Every structure is written in structure tokens, then in C-alpha cells.
């Protein structure tokens, strides 16, 4: 569980630094352009998005972290009024 707290802190720090992209489409676009250093997926991320992200992440050796939270809780963690299934941390 301590690992999850570190991941949440990392997400919050990146949001404060405005170095985060939200959503599968924007994350995949940044991933194709090699702009990301890490990707986080919620527990209820769609299989199609997960496959696409894993495919492109394998080219750039970018780690993918599966969070233990559903997308609505990830939205609360990010202080957004909507659910977030995928988020990426910019370099």
C-alpha cells in the first residue's frame, strides 16, 4: 500500500508542476511523440485503450503503472470534476 501512496504523491506533484496529460487520446498522442516518462491506468480503463498504450509504450520503454483505484477516484485524486481512466506524466 505504501507504493500506492508514493504513486499518488507523484501524480499530485506532477499536477502541481502542470506536467500531466489526462485522457487516453491525449496520452497516446504524447506517447507517440515520446513526451512521457510514466503512465498511470485506472482499474476500469478500457481494454482497447490499455492495449494501444501498452503497444506504444513498448517502443519507448515507458513504465505503465496499474493503479488500485477506479477512474472516478483518480479524478478526485487529480482534483477534477470528471473521471480519469488514463494519465501520463510529461518529461
N, C-alpha and C. Protein backbone atom coordinates (compact mmCIF):
# COMPACT_ATOMS: atom_id res chain seq x y z
N UNK A 1 0.82 -1.20 0.00
CA UNK A 1 0.00 0.00 0.00
C UNK A 1 0.86 1.26 0.00
N UNK A 2 2.06 1.17 0.58
CA UNK A 2 2.95 2.32 0.61
C UNK A 2 3.33 2.75 -0.81
N UNK A 3 3.49 1.76 -1.70
CA UNK A 3 3.81 2.06 -3.08
C UNK A 3 2.74 2.95 -3.71
N UNK A 4 1.47 2.64 -3.42
CA UNK A 4 0.37 3.42 -3.97
C UNK A 4 0.42 4.85 -3.47
N UNK A 5 0.76 5.06 -2.21
CA UNK A 5 0.87 6.42 -1.69
C UNK A 5 1.96 7.19 -2.42
N UNK A 6 3.08 6.55 -2.72
CA UNK A 6 4.13 7.21 -3.47
C UNK A 6 3.66 7.57 -4.87
N UNK A 7 2.90 6.69 -5.49
CA UNK A 7 2.37 6.96 -6.82
C UNK A 7 1.41 8.14 -6.79
N UNK A 8 0.56 8.19 -5.77
CA UNK A 8 -0.39 9.30 -5.65
C UNK A 8 0.35 10.61 -5.44
N UNK A 9 1.37 10.59 -4.60
CA UNK A 9 2.17 11.80 -4.38
C UNK A 9 2.85 12.23 -5.67
N UNK A 10 3.35 11.27 -6.44
CA UNK A 10 3.99 11.59 -7.71
C UNK A 10 3.00 12.24 -8.68
N UNK A 11 1.77 11.72 -8.70
CA UNK A 11 0.73 12.30 -9.56
C UNK A 11 0.40 13.72 -9.10
N UNK A 12 0.22 13.90 -7.80
CA UNK A 12 -0.13 15.23 -7.27
C UNK A 12 0.99 16.24 -7.53
N UNK A 13 2.25 15.83 -7.36
CA UNK A 13 3.38 16.72 -7.62
C UNK A 13 3.41 17.12 -9.10
N UNK A 14 3.14 16.18 -9.99
CA UNK A 14 3.15 16.47 -11.42
C UNK A 14 2.00 17.40 -11.80
N UNK A 15 0.85 17.24 -11.14
CA UNK A 15 -0.27 18.14 -11.40
C UNK A 15 0.09 19.56 -10.95
N UNK A 16 0.72 19.67 -9.78
CA UNK A 16 1.14 20.99 -9.30
C UNK A 16 2.14 21.65 -10.25
N UNK A 17 3.01 20.83 -10.86
CA UNK A 17 4.00 21.34 -11.80
C UNK A 17 3.44 21.47 -13.21
N UNK A 18 2.17 21.10 -13.40
CA UNK A 18 1.50 21.13 -14.70
C UNK A 18 2.24 20.28 -15.73
N UNK A 19 2.68 19.11 -15.28
CA UNK A 19 3.38 18.17 -16.16
C UNK A 19 2.61 16.87 -16.26
N UNK A 20 1.32 16.99 -16.57
CA UNK A 20 0.47 15.81 -16.66
C UNK A 20 -0.50 15.97 -17.84
N UNK A 21 -0.78 14.87 -18.52
CA UNK A 21 -1.81 14.85 -19.56
C UNK A 21 -2.89 13.88 -19.12
N UNK A 22 -4.14 14.25 -19.35
CA UNK A 22 -5.27 13.45 -18.90
C UNK A 22 -6.03 12.89 -20.09
N UNK A 23 -6.42 11.64 -19.98
CA UNK A 23 -7.22 11.01 -21.02
C UNK A 23 -6.40 10.14 -21.96
N UNK A 24 -7.05 9.11 -22.49
CA UNK A 24 -6.36 8.14 -23.34
C UNK A 24 -5.87 8.76 -24.64
N UNK A 25 -6.70 9.56 -25.29
CA UNK A 25 -6.34 10.13 -26.59
C UNK A 25 -5.12 11.04 -26.48
N UNK A 26 -5.13 11.94 -25.53
CA UNK A 26 -4.01 12.88 -25.36
C UNK A 26 -2.76 12.13 -24.90
N UNK A 27 -2.94 11.14 -24.03
CA UNK A 27 -1.81 10.36 -23.55
C UNK A 27 -1.16 9.59 -24.69
N UNK A 28 -1.96 8.98 -25.55
CA UNK A 28 -1.40 8.25 -26.70
C UNK A 28 -0.68 9.19 -27.65
N UNK A 29 -1.23 10.37 -27.86
CA UNK A 29 -0.58 11.35 -28.73
C UNK A 29 0.78 11.75 -28.16
N UNK A 30 0.83 12.04 -26.86
CA UNK A 30 2.11 12.40 -26.21
C UNK A 30 3.07 11.22 -26.22
N UNK A 31 2.53 10.03 -26.10
CA UNK A 31 3.34 8.81 -26.11
C UNK A 31 4.00 8.61 -27.47
N UNK A 32 3.25 8.85 -28.53
CA UNK A 32 3.80 8.74 -29.89
C UNK A 32 4.93 9.74 -30.11
N UNK A 33 4.83 10.90 -29.47
CA UNK A 33 5.84 11.94 -29.62
C UNK A 33 6.96 11.85 -28.59
N UNK A 34 6.95 10.77 -27.81
CA UNK A 34 7.98 10.49 -26.80
C UNK A 34 8.11 11.63 -25.78
N UNK A 35 6.97 12.11 -25.30
CA UNK A 35 6.95 13.21 -24.34
C UNK A 35 6.67 12.75 -22.91
N UNK A 36 6.43 11.45 -22.70
CA UNK A 36 6.04 10.97 -21.39
C UNK A 36 7.17 10.21 -20.70
N UNK A 37 7.10 10.22 -19.35
CA UNK A 37 8.07 9.45 -18.58
C UNK A 37 7.40 8.31 -17.83
N UNK A 38 6.08 8.40 -17.62
CA UNK A 38 5.34 7.35 -16.90
C UNK A 38 3.86 7.48 -17.22
N UNK A 39 3.17 6.33 -17.21
CA UNK A 39 1.73 6.31 -17.49
C UNK A 39 1.01 5.58 -16.36
N UNK A 40 -0.14 6.12 -15.96
CA UNK A 40 -0.97 5.51 -14.92
C UNK A 40 -2.32 5.14 -15.52
N UNK A 41 -2.78 3.93 -15.20
CA UNK A 41 -4.08 3.44 -15.66
C UNK A 41 -4.98 3.15 -14.46
N UNK A 42 -6.24 3.51 -14.57
CA UNK A 42 -7.19 3.18 -13.50
C UNK A 42 -7.61 1.71 -13.65
N UNK A 43 -8.29 1.20 -12.65
CA UNK A 43 -8.70 -0.21 -12.68
C UNK A 43 -9.74 -0.48 -13.76
N UNK A 44 -10.54 0.51 -14.10
CA UNK A 44 -11.58 0.30 -15.11
C UNK A 44 -11.26 0.97 -16.45
N UNK A 45 -9.99 1.07 -16.77
CA UNK A 45 -9.57 1.57 -18.08
C UNK A 45 -10.01 0.56 -19.14
N UNK A 46 -10.47 1.03 -20.28
CA UNK A 46 -10.95 0.11 -21.32
C UNK A 46 -9.80 -0.73 -21.87
N UNK A 47 -10.11 -1.93 -22.28
CA UNK A 47 -9.10 -2.84 -22.82
C UNK A 47 -8.48 -2.29 -24.10
N UNK A 48 -9.28 -1.62 -24.93
CA UNK A 48 -8.77 -1.06 -26.18
C UNK A 48 -7.72 0.02 -25.90
N UNK A 49 -8.02 0.91 -24.97
CA UNK A 49 -7.07 1.96 -24.61
C UNK A 49 -5.82 1.35 -23.98
N UNK A 50 -6.01 0.37 -23.13
CA UNK A 50 -4.88 -0.28 -22.46
C UNK A 50 -3.96 -0.95 -23.48
N UNK A 51 -4.53 -1.64 -24.46
CA UNK A 51 -3.73 -2.29 -25.49
C UNK A 51 -2.93 -1.27 -26.31
N UNK A 52 -3.59 -0.19 -26.72
CA UNK A 52 -2.91 0.85 -27.51
C UNK A 52 -1.76 1.46 -26.72
N UNK A 53 -2.01 1.76 -25.46
CA UNK A 53 -0.99 2.39 -24.62
C UNK A 53 0.19 1.44 -24.40
N UNK A 54 -0.11 0.17 -24.12
CA UNK A 54 0.97 -0.81 -23.94
C UNK A 54 1.79 -0.97 -25.22
N UNK A 55 1.12 -0.92 -26.37
CA UNK A 55 1.81 -1.06 -27.66
C UNK A 55 2.80 0.09 -27.87
N UNK A 56 2.34 1.32 -27.72
CA UNK A 56 3.22 2.47 -27.95
C UNK A 56 4.25 2.65 -26.85
N UNK A 57 3.91 2.29 -25.63
CA UNK A 57 4.86 2.41 -24.51
C UNK A 57 6.03 1.45 -24.69
N UNK A 58 5.78 0.32 -25.32
CA UNK A 58 6.86 -0.66 -25.52
C UNK A 58 7.95 -0.12 -26.44
N UNK A 59 7.60 0.76 -27.36
CA UNK A 59 8.60 1.34 -28.26
C UNK A 59 9.57 2.25 -27.52
N UNK A 60 9.07 2.98 -26.53
CA UNK A 60 9.88 3.97 -25.83
C UNK A 60 10.29 3.54 -24.43
N UNK A 61 9.98 2.30 -24.05
CA UNK A 61 10.30 1.77 -22.72
C UNK A 61 9.78 2.65 -21.59
N UNK A 62 8.54 3.07 -21.71
CA UNK A 62 7.91 3.92 -20.70
C UNK A 62 7.12 3.02 -19.75
N UNK A 63 7.36 3.15 -18.43
CA UNK A 63 6.65 2.28 -17.48
C UNK A 63 5.16 2.61 -17.39
N UNK A 64 4.36 1.57 -17.28
CA UNK A 64 2.92 1.69 -17.10
C UNK A 64 2.58 1.18 -15.70
N UNK A 65 1.88 2.00 -14.94
CA UNK A 65 1.51 1.64 -13.57
C UNK A 65 0.00 1.45 -13.51
N UNK A 66 -0.41 0.28 -13.05
CA UNK A 66 -1.83 0.00 -12.86
C UNK A 66 -2.21 0.44 -11.45
N UNK A 67 -3.02 1.47 -11.34
CA UNK A 67 -3.45 1.97 -10.03
C UNK A 67 -4.53 1.06 -9.46
N UNK A 68 -4.70 1.10 -8.17
CA UNK A 68 -5.73 0.30 -7.49
C UNK A 68 -6.99 1.13 -7.26
N UNK A 69 -7.26 2.08 -8.13
CA UNK A 69 -8.41 2.97 -8.00
C UNK A 69 -9.19 3.01 -9.30
N UNK A 70 -10.52 3.09 -9.22
CA UNK A 70 -11.32 3.28 -10.44
C UNK A 70 -11.16 4.72 -10.94
N UNK A 71 -11.63 4.96 -12.15
CA UNK A 71 -11.42 6.25 -12.80
C UNK A 71 -12.05 7.42 -12.05
N UNK A 72 -13.19 7.21 -11.38
CA UNK A 72 -13.80 8.32 -10.66
C UNK A 72 -12.95 8.75 -9.46
N UNK A 73 -12.30 7.78 -8.80
CA UNK A 73 -11.41 8.14 -7.68
C UNK A 73 -10.12 8.80 -8.18
N UNK A 74 -9.65 8.40 -9.34
CA UNK A 74 -8.46 9.05 -9.92
C UNK A 74 -8.80 10.50 -10.23
N UNK A 75 -10.00 10.76 -10.69
CA UNK A 75 -10.45 12.13 -10.92
C UNK A 75 -10.44 12.95 -9.64
N UNK A 76 -10.86 12.35 -8.53
CA UNK A 76 -10.85 13.04 -7.23
C UNK A 76 -9.41 13.31 -6.79
N UNK A 77 -8.53 12.32 -6.98
CA UNK A 77 -7.11 12.49 -6.62
C UNK A 77 -6.51 13.67 -7.39
N UNK A 78 -6.91 13.79 -8.66
CA UNK A 78 -6.38 14.86 -9.51
C UNK A 78 -7.15 16.17 -9.35
N UNK A 79 -8.13 16.18 -8.44
CA UNK A 79 -8.95 17.36 -8.16
C UNK A 79 -9.71 17.84 -9.40
N UNK A 80 -10.26 16.89 -10.13
CA UNK A 80 -11.04 17.19 -11.33
C UNK A 80 -12.47 16.72 -11.13
N UNK A 81 -13.45 17.40 -11.72
CA UNK A 81 -14.86 17.00 -11.54
C UNK A 81 -15.31 15.91 -12.51
N UNK A 82 -14.37 15.17 -13.09
CA UNK A 82 -14.70 14.11 -14.02
C UNK A 82 -13.78 12.92 -13.77
N UNK A 83 -14.15 11.78 -14.32
CA UNK A 83 -13.35 10.57 -14.11
C UNK A 83 -12.17 10.55 -15.09
N UNK A 84 -11.08 9.94 -14.65
CA UNK A 84 -9.85 9.88 -15.45
C UNK A 84 -9.39 8.42 -15.48
N UNK A 85 -9.43 7.82 -16.66
CA UNK A 85 -9.02 6.42 -16.80
C UNK A 85 -7.52 6.30 -17.07
N UNK A 86 -6.96 7.29 -17.76
CA UNK A 86 -5.55 7.25 -18.14
C UNK A 86 -4.93 8.63 -17.90
N UNK A 87 -3.72 8.63 -17.34
CA UNK A 87 -2.98 9.89 -17.25
C UNK A 87 -1.51 9.61 -17.45
N UNK A 88 -0.85 10.58 -18.05
CA UNK A 88 0.57 10.44 -18.33
C UNK A 88 1.36 11.58 -17.72
N UNK A 89 2.56 11.28 -17.25
CA UNK A 89 3.43 12.31 -16.69
C UNK A 89 4.43 12.74 -17.75
N UNK A 90 4.47 14.03 -18.00
CA UNK A 90 5.38 14.58 -19.01
C UNK A 90 6.81 14.61 -18.50
N UNK A 91 7.74 14.54 -19.43
CA UNK A 91 9.17 14.60 -19.07
C UNK A 91 9.54 15.97 -18.58
